[in-house]
C-alpha atoms as a PDB file:
ATOM      1  CA  UNK A   1     -10.337 -17.310  -2.749  1.00  0.00           C
ATOM      2  CA  UNK A   2     -12.932 -16.887  -5.489  1.00  0.00           C
ATOM      3  CA  UNK A   3     -15.674 -17.519  -2.951  1.00  0.00           C
ATOM      4  CA  UNK A   4     -15.322 -13.960  -1.605  1.00  0.00           C
ATOM      5  CA  UNK A   5     -17.558 -12.787  -4.416  1.00  0.00           C
ATOM      6  CA  UNK A   6     -20.274 -15.150  -3.193  1.00  0.00           C
ATOM      7  CA  UNK A   7     -19.775 -14.068   0.405  1.00  0.00           C
ATOM      8  CA  UNK A   8     -20.228 -10.450  -0.649  1.00  0.00           C
ATOM      9  CA  UNK A   9     -23.937 -11.171  -1.122  1.00  0.00           C
ATOM     10  CA  UNK A  10     -24.202 -11.706   2.621  1.00  0.00           C
ATOM     11  CA  UNK A  11     -22.218  -8.593   3.549  1.00  0.00           C
ATOM     12  CA  UNK A  12     -25.162  -6.813   5.102  1.00  0.00           C
ATOM     13  CA  UNK A  13     -25.776  -9.656   7.500  1.00  0.00           C
ATOM     14  CA  UNK A  14     -22.110  -9.888   8.413  1.00  0.00           C
ATOM     15  CA  UNK A  15     -21.626  -6.284   9.563  1.00  0.00           C
ATOM     16  CA  UNK A  16     -21.905  -4.892  13.048  1.00  0.00           C
ATOM     17  CA  UNK A  17     -22.647  -1.233  13.564  1.00  0.00           C
ATOM     18  CA  UNK A  18     -20.721   0.672  16.187  1.00  0.00           C
ATOM     19  CA  UNK A  19     -21.464   4.349  16.685  1.00  0.00           C
ATOM     20  CA  UNK A  20     -19.436   5.696  13.766  1.00  0.00           C
ATOM     21  CA  UNK A  21     -18.097   2.695  11.830  1.00  0.00           C
ATOM     22  CA  UNK A  22     -19.854  -0.244  10.198  1.00  0.00           C
ATOM     23  CA  UNK A  23     -17.640  -3.198  11.038  1.00  0.00           C
ATOM     24  CA  UNK A  24     -17.369  -6.258   8.846  1.00  0.00           C
ATOM     25  CA  UNK A  25     -16.545  -9.528  10.643  1.00  0.00           C
ATOM     26  CA  UNK A  26     -15.515 -11.602   7.642  1.00  0.00           C
ATOM     27  CA  UNK A  27     -12.094 -11.201   6.012  1.00  0.00           C
ATOM     28  CA  UNK A  28     -13.398 -12.439   2.660  1.00  0.00           C
ATOM     29  CA  UNK A  29     -16.458 -10.186   2.752  1.00  0.00           C
ATOM     30  CA  UNK A  30     -14.308  -7.162   3.605  1.00  0.00           C
ATOM     31  CA  UNK A  31     -12.080  -7.842   0.619  1.00  0.00           C
ATOM     32  CA  UNK A  32     -15.071  -8.301  -1.662  1.00  0.00           C
ATOM     33  CA  UNK A  33     -16.601  -5.042  -0.464  1.00  0.00           C
ATOM     34  CA  UNK A  34     -13.290  -3.217  -0.872  1.00  0.00           C
ATOM     35  CA  UNK A  35     -12.973  -4.515  -4.414  1.00  0.00           C
ATOM     36  CA  UNK A  36     -16.525  -3.519  -5.330  1.00  0.00           C
ATOM     37  CA  UNK A  37     -16.342  -0.090  -3.673  1.00  0.00           C
ATOM     38  CA  UNK A  38     -12.719   0.535  -4.753  1.00  0.00           C
ATOM     39  CA  UNK A  39     -11.614   1.246  -1.184  1.00  0.00           C
ATOM     40  CA  UNK A  40      -8.841   0.246   1.168  1.00  0.00           C
ATOM     41  CA  UNK A  41      -9.440  -1.838   4.289  1.00  0.00           C
ATOM     42  CA  UNK A  42      -8.766  -0.896   7.901  1.00  0.00           C
ATOM     43  CA  UNK A  43      -8.312  -4.164   9.794  1.00  0.00           C
ATOM     44  CA  UNK A  44      -8.478  -4.111  13.606  1.00  0.00           C
ATOM     45  CA  UNK A  45      -7.190  -7.181  15.481  1.00  0.00           C
ATOM     46  CA  UNK A  46      -8.788  -7.548  18.898  1.00  0.00           C
ATOM     47  CA  UNK A  47     -10.144  -9.996  21.507  1.00  0.00           C
ATOM     48  CA  UNK A  48     -12.889  -9.882  24.126  1.00  0.00           C
ATOM     49  CA  UNK A  49     -10.303 -10.139  26.928  1.00  0.00           C
ATOM     50  CA  UNK A  50      -8.157  -7.289  25.572  1.00  0.00           C
ATOM     51  CA  UNK A  51      -8.422  -4.206  27.815  1.00  0.00           C
ATOM     52  CA  UNK A  52      -6.568  -1.834  25.463  1.00  0.00           C
ATOM     53  CA  UNK A  53      -8.883  -2.969  22.640  1.00  0.00           C
ATOM     54  CA  UNK A  54     -11.941  -1.926  24.652  1.00  0.00           C
ATOM     55  CA  UNK A  55     -10.326   1.417  25.451  1.00  0.00           C
ATOM     56  CA  UNK A  56      -9.557   1.859  21.763  1.00  0.00           C
ATOM     57  CA  UNK A  57     -13.218   1.247  20.959  1.00  0.00           C
ATOM     58  CA  UNK A  58     -14.444   3.917  23.375  1.00  0.00           C
ATOM     59  CA  UNK A  59     -11.656   6.441  22.757  1.00  0.00           C
ATOM     60  CA  UNK A  60     -11.442   6.187  18.974  1.00  0.00           C
ATOM     61  CA  UNK A  61     -13.651   3.820  16.995  1.00  0.00           C
ATOM     62  CA  UNK A  62     -16.877   4.979  18.663  1.00  0.00           C
ATOM     63  CA  UNK A  63     -16.120   8.719  18.615  1.00  0.00           C
ATOM     64  CA  UNK A  64     -17.544  11.340  16.299  1.00  0.00           C
ATOM     65  CA  UNK A  65     -14.074  11.931  14.832  1.00  0.00           C
ATOM     66  CA  UNK A  66     -14.362   8.587  13.069  1.00  0.00           C
ATOM     67  CA  UNK A  67     -17.415   9.786  11.159  1.00  0.00           C
ATOM     68  CA  UNK A  68     -15.161  11.644   8.714  1.00  0.00           C
ATOM     69  CA  UNK A  69     -13.535   8.347   7.723  1.00  0.00           C
ATOM     70  CA  UNK A  70     -16.528   6.013   7.846  1.00  0.00           C
ATOM     71  CA  UNK A  71     -17.005   6.158   4.062  1.00  0.00           C
ATOM     72  CA  UNK A  72     -13.318   6.261   3.165  1.00  0.00           C
ATOM     73  CA  UNK A  73     -12.478   2.662   4.138  1.00  0.00           C
ATOM     74  CA  UNK A  74     -13.987  -0.763   4.647  1.00  0.00           C
ATOM     75  CA  UNK A  75     -13.599  -1.554   8.355  1.00  0.00           C
ATOM     76  CA  UNK A  76     -12.824  -5.130   9.413  1.00  0.00           C
ATOM     77  CA  UNK A  77     -12.806  -6.505  12.988  1.00  0.00           C
ATOM     78  CA  UNK A  78     -10.712  -9.654  13.409  1.00  0.00           C
ATOM     79  CA  UNK A  79     -11.074 -11.628  16.643  1.00  0.00           C
ATOM     80  CA  UNK A  80      -7.647 -13.230  17.064  1.00  0.00           C
ATOM     81  CA  UNK A  81      -9.111 -16.159  18.998  1.00  0.00           C
ATOM     82  CA  UNK A  82     -11.636 -17.204  16.363  1.00  0.00           C
ATOM     83  CA  UNK A  83      -9.578 -16.125  13.345  1.00  0.00           C
ATOM     84  CA  UNK A  84      -6.152 -17.504  14.196  1.00  0.00           C
ATOM     85  CA  UNK A  85      -5.161 -18.142  10.597  1.00  0.00           C
ATOM     86  CA  UNK A  86      -5.686 -14.480   9.658  1.00  0.00           C
ATOM     87  CA  UNK A  87      -3.972 -13.342  12.860  1.00  0.00           C
ATOM     88  CA  UNK A  88      -0.940 -15.502  12.096  1.00  0.00           C
ATOM     89  CA  UNK A  89      -0.838 -14.330   8.470  1.00  0.00           C
ATOM     90  CA  UNK A  90      -0.564 -10.714   9.597  1.00  0.00           C
ATOM     91  CA  UNK A  91       1.569 -11.485  12.674  1.00  0.00           C
ATOM     92  CA  UNK A  92      -0.987 -10.143  15.118  1.00  0.00           C
ATOM     93  CA  UNK A  93       0.614 -11.710  18.204  1.00  0.00           C
ATOM     94  CA  UNK A  94       0.204  -8.422  20.098  1.00  0.00           C
ATOM     95  CA  UNK A  95      -3.127  -6.595  20.101  1.00  0.00           C
ATOM     96  CA  UNK A  96      -4.672  -4.261  19.389  1.00  0.00           C
ATOM     97  CA  UNK A  97      -3.068  -4.149  15.972  1.00  0.00           C
ATOM     98  CA  UNK A  98      -4.401  -2.065  13.102  1.00  0.00           C
ATOM     99  CA  UNK A  99      -3.441  -2.589   9.464  1.00  0.00           C
ATOM    100  CA  UNK A 100      -4.433  -0.633   6.376  1.00  0.00           C
ATOM    101  CA  UNK A 101      -4.383  -2.876   3.309  1.00  0.00           C
ATOM    102  CA  UNK A 102      -5.766  -3.120  -0.196  1.00  0.00           C
ATOM    103  CA  UNK A 103      -8.343  -5.617  -1.432  1.00  0.00           C
ATOM    104  CA  UNK A 104      -5.621  -8.041  -2.484  1.00  0.00           C
ATOM    105  CA  UNK A 105      -4.421  -8.252   1.123  1.00  0.00           C
ATOM    106  CA  UNK A 106      -1.259  -6.166   0.635  1.00  0.00           C
ATOM    107  CA  UNK A 107      -0.515  -4.432   3.966  1.00  0.00           C
ATOM    108  CA  UNK A 108       0.509  -0.771   3.627  1.00  0.00           C
ATOM    109  CA  UNK A 109       0.524   0.606   7.177  1.00  0.00           C
ATOM    110  CA  UNK A 110       0.305  -0.877  10.651  1.00  0.00           C
ATOM    111  CA  UNK A 111       0.363   0.106  14.291  1.00  0.00           C
ATOM    112  CA  UNK A 112       0.675  -2.217  17.286  1.00  0.00           C
ATOM    113  CA  UNK A 113      -0.791  -1.357  20.680  1.00  0.00           C
ATOM    114  CA  UNK A 114      -2.959   1.560  21.671  1.00  0.00           C
ATOM    115  CA  UNK A 115      -1.379   4.696  23.050  1.00  0.00           C
ATOM    116  CA  UNK A 116      -3.160   7.596  21.384  1.00  0.00           C
ATOM    117  CA  UNK A 117      -5.955   7.949  18.859  1.00  0.00           C
ATOM    118  CA  UNK A 118      -3.986  10.699  17.123  1.00  0.00           C
ATOM    119  CA  UNK A 119      -1.472   8.187  15.696  1.00  0.00           C
ATOM    120  CA  UNK A 120      -4.223   6.266  13.948  1.00  0.00           C
ATOM    121  CA  UNK A 121      -6.325   9.273  12.990  1.00  0.00           C
ATOM    122  CA  UNK A 122      -3.331  10.917  11.332  1.00  0.00           C
ATOM    123  CA  UNK A 123      -2.864   7.862   9.098  1.00  0.00           C
ATOM    124  CA  UNK A 124      -6.568   7.756   8.217  1.00  0.00           C
ATOM    125  CA  UNK A 125      -6.586  11.475   7.394  1.00  0.00           C
ATOM    126  CA  UNK A 126      -3.448  11.385   5.260  1.00  0.00           C
ATOM    127  CA  UNK A 127      -4.202   8.191   3.390  1.00  0.00           C
ATOM    128  CA  UNK A 128      -4.634   9.062  -0.312  1.00  0.00           C
ATOM    129  CA  UNK A 129      -8.049   8.842  -1.945  1.00  0.00           C
ATOM    130  CA  UNK A 130      -6.540   7.706  -5.244  1.00  0.00           C
ATOM    131  CA  UNK A 131      -8.748   4.960  -6.745  1.00  0.00           C
ATOM    132  CA  UNK A 132      -7.071   1.577  -7.015  1.00  0.00           C
ATOM    133  CA  UNK A 133      -6.576  -0.057 -10.441  1.00  0.00           C
ATOM    134  CA  UNK A 134      -9.621  -2.303 -10.103  1.00  0.00           C
ATOM    135  CA  UNK A 135      -8.828  -4.613 -13.020  1.00  0.00           C
ATOM    136  CA  UNK A 136      -5.386  -5.408 -11.647  1.00  0.00           C
ATOM    137  CA  UNK A 137      -6.548  -5.939  -8.073  1.00  0.00           C
ATOM    138  CA  UNK A 138      -9.379  -8.144  -9.331  1.00  0.00           C
ATOM    139  CA  UNK A 139      -6.797 -10.366 -11.023  1.00  0.00           C
ATOM    140  CA  UNK A 140      -4.780 -10.505  -7.796  1.00  0.00           C
ATOM    141  CA  UNK A 141      -7.852 -11.474  -5.785  1.00  0.00           C
ATOM    142  CA  UNK A 142      -8.867 -14.110  -8.332  1.00  0.00           C
ATOM    143  CA  UNK A 143      -5.265 -15.377  -8.555  1.00  0.00           C
ATOM    144  CA  UNK A 144      -5.100 -14.700 -12.294  1.00  0.00           C
ATOM    145  CA  UNK A 145      -2.390 -12.033 -12.090  1.00  0.00           C
ATOM    146  CA  UNK A 146       0.444 -12.025 -14.608  1.00  0.00           C
ATOM    147  CA  UNK A 147       3.647 -10.046 -15.107  1.00  0.00           C
ATOM    148  CA  UNK A 148       1.737  -7.052 -16.488  1.00  0.00           C
ATOM    149  CA  UNK A 149      -0.587  -7.037 -13.494  1.00  0.00           C
ATOM    150  CA  UNK A 150       2.349  -7.036 -11.092  1.00  0.00           C
ATOM    151  CA  UNK A 151       4.072  -4.260 -13.013  1.00  0.00           C
ATOM    152  CA  UNK A 152       0.947  -2.089 -13.059  1.00  0.00           C
ATOM    153  CA  UNK A 153       0.501  -2.518  -9.302  1.00  0.00           C
ATOM    154  CA  UNK A 154       4.166  -1.767  -8.623  1.00  0.00           C
ATOM    155  CA  UNK A 155       3.973   1.407 -10.692  1.00  0.00           C
ATOM    156  CA  UNK A 156       0.665   2.432  -9.110  1.00  0.00           C
ATOM    157  CA  UNK A 157       1.997   2.210  -5.560  1.00  0.00           C
ATOM    158  CA  UNK A 158       5.131   4.010  -6.667  1.00  0.00           C
ATOM    159  CA  UNK A 159       2.985   6.887  -7.968  1.00  0.00           C
ATOM    160  CA  UNK A 160       0.758   6.820  -4.884  1.00  0.00           C
ATOM    161  CA  UNK A 161       3.775   7.705  -2.738  1.00  0.00           C
ATOM    162  CA  UNK A 162       3.664  11.193  -4.242  1.00  0.00           C
ATOM    163  CA  UNK A 163       0.179  11.752  -2.780  1.00  0.00           C
ATOM    164  CA  UNK A 164       1.205  11.689   0.889  1.00  0.00           C
ATOM    165  CA  UNK A 165       3.755  13.285   3.191  1.00  0.00           C
ATOM    166  CA  UNK A 166       3.293  10.618   5.867  1.00  0.00           C
ATOM    167  CA  UNK A 167       6.680   8.882   6.131  1.00  0.00           C
ATOM    168  CA  UNK A 168       5.256   5.583   7.388  1.00  0.00           C
ATOM    169  CA  UNK A 169       2.621   5.466   4.668  1.00  0.00           C
ATOM    170  CA  UNK A 170       5.285   6.151   2.060  1.00  0.00           C
ATOM    171  CA  UNK A 171       7.403   3.345   3.453  1.00  0.00           C
ATOM    172  CA  UNK A 172       4.508   0.909   3.304  1.00  0.00           C
ATOM    173  CA  UNK A 173       3.584   1.880  -0.244  1.00  0.00           C
ATOM    174  CA  UNK A 174       7.171   1.600  -1.442  1.00  0.00           C
ATOM    175  CA  UNK A 175       7.433  -1.819   0.213  1.00  0.00           C
ATOM    176  CA  UNK A 176       4.271  -2.862  -1.632  1.00  0.00           C
ATOM    177  CA  UNK A 177       5.724  -1.489  -4.862  1.00  0.00           C
ATOM    178  CA  UNK A 178       8.913  -3.474  -4.236  1.00  0.00           C
ATOM    179  CA  UNK A 179       6.932  -6.660  -3.699  1.00  0.00           C
ATOM    180  CA  UNK A 180       5.150  -6.290  -7.023  1.00  0.00           C
ATOM    181  CA  UNK A 181       8.259  -5.393  -9.011  1.00  0.00           C
ATOM    182  CA  UNK A 182      10.025  -8.417  -7.509  1.00  0.00           C
ATOM    183  CA  UNK A 183       7.117 -10.550  -8.718  1.00  0.00           C
ATOM    184  CA  UNK A 184       7.652  -9.052 -12.179  1.00  0.00           C
ATOM    185  CA  UNK A 185      11.277 -10.153 -12.064  1.00  0.00           C
ATOM    186  CA  UNK A 186      10.193 -13.615 -10.996  1.00  0.00           C
ATOM    187  CA  UNK A 187       7.566 -13.954 -13.735  1.00  0.00           C
ATOM    188  CA  UNK A 188       9.180 -11.827 -16.487  1.00  0.00           C
ATOM    189  CA  UNK A 189       8.981 -13.402 -19.930  1.00  0.00           C
ATOM    190  CA  UNK A 190      11.642 -11.094 -21.353  1.00  0.00           C
ATOM    191  CA  UNK A 191      14.964  -9.692 -20.149  1.00  0.00           C
ATOM    192  CA  UNK A 192      13.750  -6.197 -21.039  1.00  0.00           C
ATOM    193  CA  UNK A 193      10.802  -6.436 -18.651  1.00  0.00           C
ATOM    194  CA  UNK A 194      12.999  -7.819 -15.878  1.00  0.00           C
ATOM    195  CA  UNK A 195      15.419  -4.937 -16.397  1.00  0.00           C
ATOM    196  CA  UNK A 196      12.584  -2.383 -16.291  1.00  0.00           C
ATOM    197  CA  UNK A 197      11.444  -3.860 -12.987  1.00  0.00           C
ATOM    198  CA  UNK A 198      15.014  -3.596 -11.672  1.00  0.00           C
ATOM    199  CA  UNK A 199      15.166   0.085 -12.628  1.00  0.00           C
ATOM    200  CA  UNK A 200      11.952   0.709 -10.700  1.00  0.00           C
ATOM    201  CA  UNK A 201      13.255  -1.119  -7.647  1.00  0.00           C
ATOM    202  CA  UNK A 202      16.284   1.164  -7.734  1.00  0.00           C
ATOM    203  CA  UNK A 203      14.035   4.202  -8.180  1.00  0.00           C
ATOM    204  CA  UNK A 204      12.236   3.176  -4.997  1.00  0.00           C
ATOM    205  CA  UNK A 205      15.546   3.460  -3.145  1.00  0.00           C
ATOM    206  CA  UNK A 206      15.765   7.034  -4.412  1.00  0.00           C
ATOM    207  CA  UNK A 207      12.178   7.741  -3.307  1.00  0.00           C
ATOM    208  CA  UNK A 208      13.185   6.540   0.165  1.00  0.00           C
ATOM    209  CA  UNK A 209      15.931   9.127   0.198  1.00  0.00           C
ATOM    210  CA  UNK A 210      18.769   6.623  -0.283  1.00  0.00           C
ATOM    211  CA  UNK A 211      20.257   8.613  -3.161  1.00  0.00           C
ATOM    212  CA  UNK A 212      23.828   7.361  -2.912  1.00  0.00           C
ATOM    213  CA  UNK A 213      22.660   3.752  -2.796  1.00  0.00           C
ATOM    214  CA  UNK A 214      20.355   4.267  -5.774  1.00  0.00           C
ATOM    215  CA  UNK A 215      23.101   5.883  -7.856  1.00  0.00           C
ATOM    216  CA  UNK A 216      25.570   3.159  -6.985  1.00  0.00           C
ATOM    217  CA  UNK A 217      23.110   0.473  -8.049  1.00  0.00           C
ATOM    218  CA  UNK A 218      21.929   2.162 -11.239  1.00  0.00           C
ATOM    219  CA  UNK A 219      25.493   2.955 -12.293  1.00  0.00           C
ATOM    220  CA  UNK A 220      25.970  -0.775 -12.885  1.00  0.00           C
ATOM    221  CA  UNK A 221      22.978  -0.958 -15.218  1.00  0.00           C
ATOM    222  CA  UNK A 222      23.060  -0.660 -18.991  1.00  0.00           C
ATOM    223  CA  UNK A 223      22.492   2.753 -20.568  1.00  0.00           C
ATOM    224  CA  UNK A 224      18.765   3.576 -20.644  1.00  0.00           C
ATOM    225  CA  UNK A 225      16.310   6.443 -20.169  1.00  0.00           C
ATOM    226  CA  UNK A 226      15.454   5.210 -16.680  1.00  0.00           C
ATOM    227  CA  UNK A 227      19.120   5.095 -15.715  1.00  0.00           C
ATOM    228  CA  UNK A 228      19.553   8.748 -16.692  1.00  0.00           C
ATOM    229  CA  UNK A 229      16.293   9.688 -14.987  1.00  0.00           C
ATOM    230  CA  UNK A 230      17.295   8.067 -11.699  1.00  0.00           C
ATOM    231  CA  UNK A 231      20.698   9.766 -11.764  1.00  0.00           C
ATOM    232  CA  UNK A 232      19.122  13.140 -12.572  1.00  0.00           C
ATOM    233  CA  UNK A 233      16.488  12.696  -9.846  1.00  0.00           C
ATOM    234  CA  UNK A 234      19.086  11.811  -7.217  1.00  0.00           C
ATOM    235  CA  UNK A 235      21.318  14.741  -8.104  1.00  0.00           C
ATOM    236  CA  UNK A 236      18.302  17.044  -8.057  1.00  0.00           C
ATOM    237  CA  UNK A 237      17.391  15.877  -4.559  1.00  0.00           C
ATOM    238  CA  UNK A 238      20.977  16.387  -3.443  1.00  0.00           C
ATOM    239  CA  UNK A 239      20.957  19.922  -4.846  1.00  0.00           C
ATOM    240  CA  UNK A 240      23.625  19.246  -7.480  1.00  0.00           C
ATOM    241  CA  UNK A 241      22.033  21.187 -10.338  1.00  0.00           C
ATOM    242  CA  UNK A 242      24.853  20.883 -12.849  1.00  0.00           C
ATOM    243  CA  UNK A 243      25.067  17.119 -12.418  1.00  0.00           C
ATOM    244  CA  UNK A 244      21.291  16.883 -12.734  1.00  0.00           C
ATOM    245  CA  UNK A 245      21.321  18.806 -16.038  1.00  0.00           C
ATOM    246  CA  UNK A 246      24.077  16.571 -17.361  1.00  0.00           C
ATOM    247  CA  UNK A 247      21.789  13.549 -17.139  1.00  0.00           C
ATOM    248  CA  UNK A 248      18.615  15.441 -18.097  1.00  0.00           C
ATOM    249  CA  UNK A 249      20.220  16.263 -21.439  1.00  0.00           C
ATOM    250  CA  UNK A 250      20.325  12.524 -22.175  1.00  0.00           C
ATOM    251  CA  UNK A 251      16.593  12.043 -21.544  1.00  0.00           C
ATOM    252  CA  UNK A 252      14.137  12.252 -24.453  1.00  0.00           C
ATOM    253  CA  UNK A 253      10.949  11.165 -22.650  1.00  0.00           C
ATOM    254  CA  UNK A 254       8.713  14.156 -21.940  1.00  0.00           C
ATOM    255  CA  UNK A 255       7.025  12.284 -19.092  1.00  0.00           C
ATOM    256  CA  UNK A 256      10.320  11.643 -17.338  1.00  0.00           C
ATOM    257  CA  UNK A 257      11.525  15.208 -17.898  1.00  0.00           C
ATOM    258  CA  UNK A 258       8.269  16.570 -16.490  1.00  0.00           C
ATOM    259  CA  UNK A 259       8.935  14.692 -13.240  1.00  0.00           C
ATOM    260  CA  UNK A 260      12.217  16.554 -12.875  1.00  0.00           C
ATOM    261  CA  UNK A 261      10.674  20.039 -13.186  1.00  0.00           C
END
């Protein structure tokens, strides 16, 4: 995996220019470019025999509308016939398939088949511009990540959810956050860190709108600031002001209280 930094030197020779998007043909080069430029990757699975893929090229990728997003992402074309390992990794058995992912390879949004450019363009337009935590992603790419790296990434994706109203993007980001917090639990060197990861996993249920489920789960946890915050947040979202205030009064963290304003 470390070789992607070497491959990045050949990035210019590995790109193909369509009318509005500069496509990269190498998975490793795309990840290296995304890491260097601090961008997300739009990965398009296709094949030369795929009719809908060709229509997608002419109706979306090659249109002027794509110009607005040409600098926002790194664009990667993956031929499923010559890159079967990558296709299998991302379950691209049906094409076209488009995935938005980070430089570490964490998939955040996907769409299978081509029906309308508006579905894809909406995701591109609403995807947050928040810079990724480069140090943490670098460790993930280089396979040197530790419990703190996983926690930082879980928290970052959790915060990123607040930057978009797109339900599918939120779902993908919360799933990514879950994955990282579960890695924290797996690698945690202390019970306290494992418990903090558990609180954040429960908070993600609340951010999905599963308030009753979140409260039921957190009610079993030991008394803590995060427990009171999650209860207050859920009651706030349910419109139960008095219940919310009951738990807010137990919170001393200004940061947590500010999130309930």
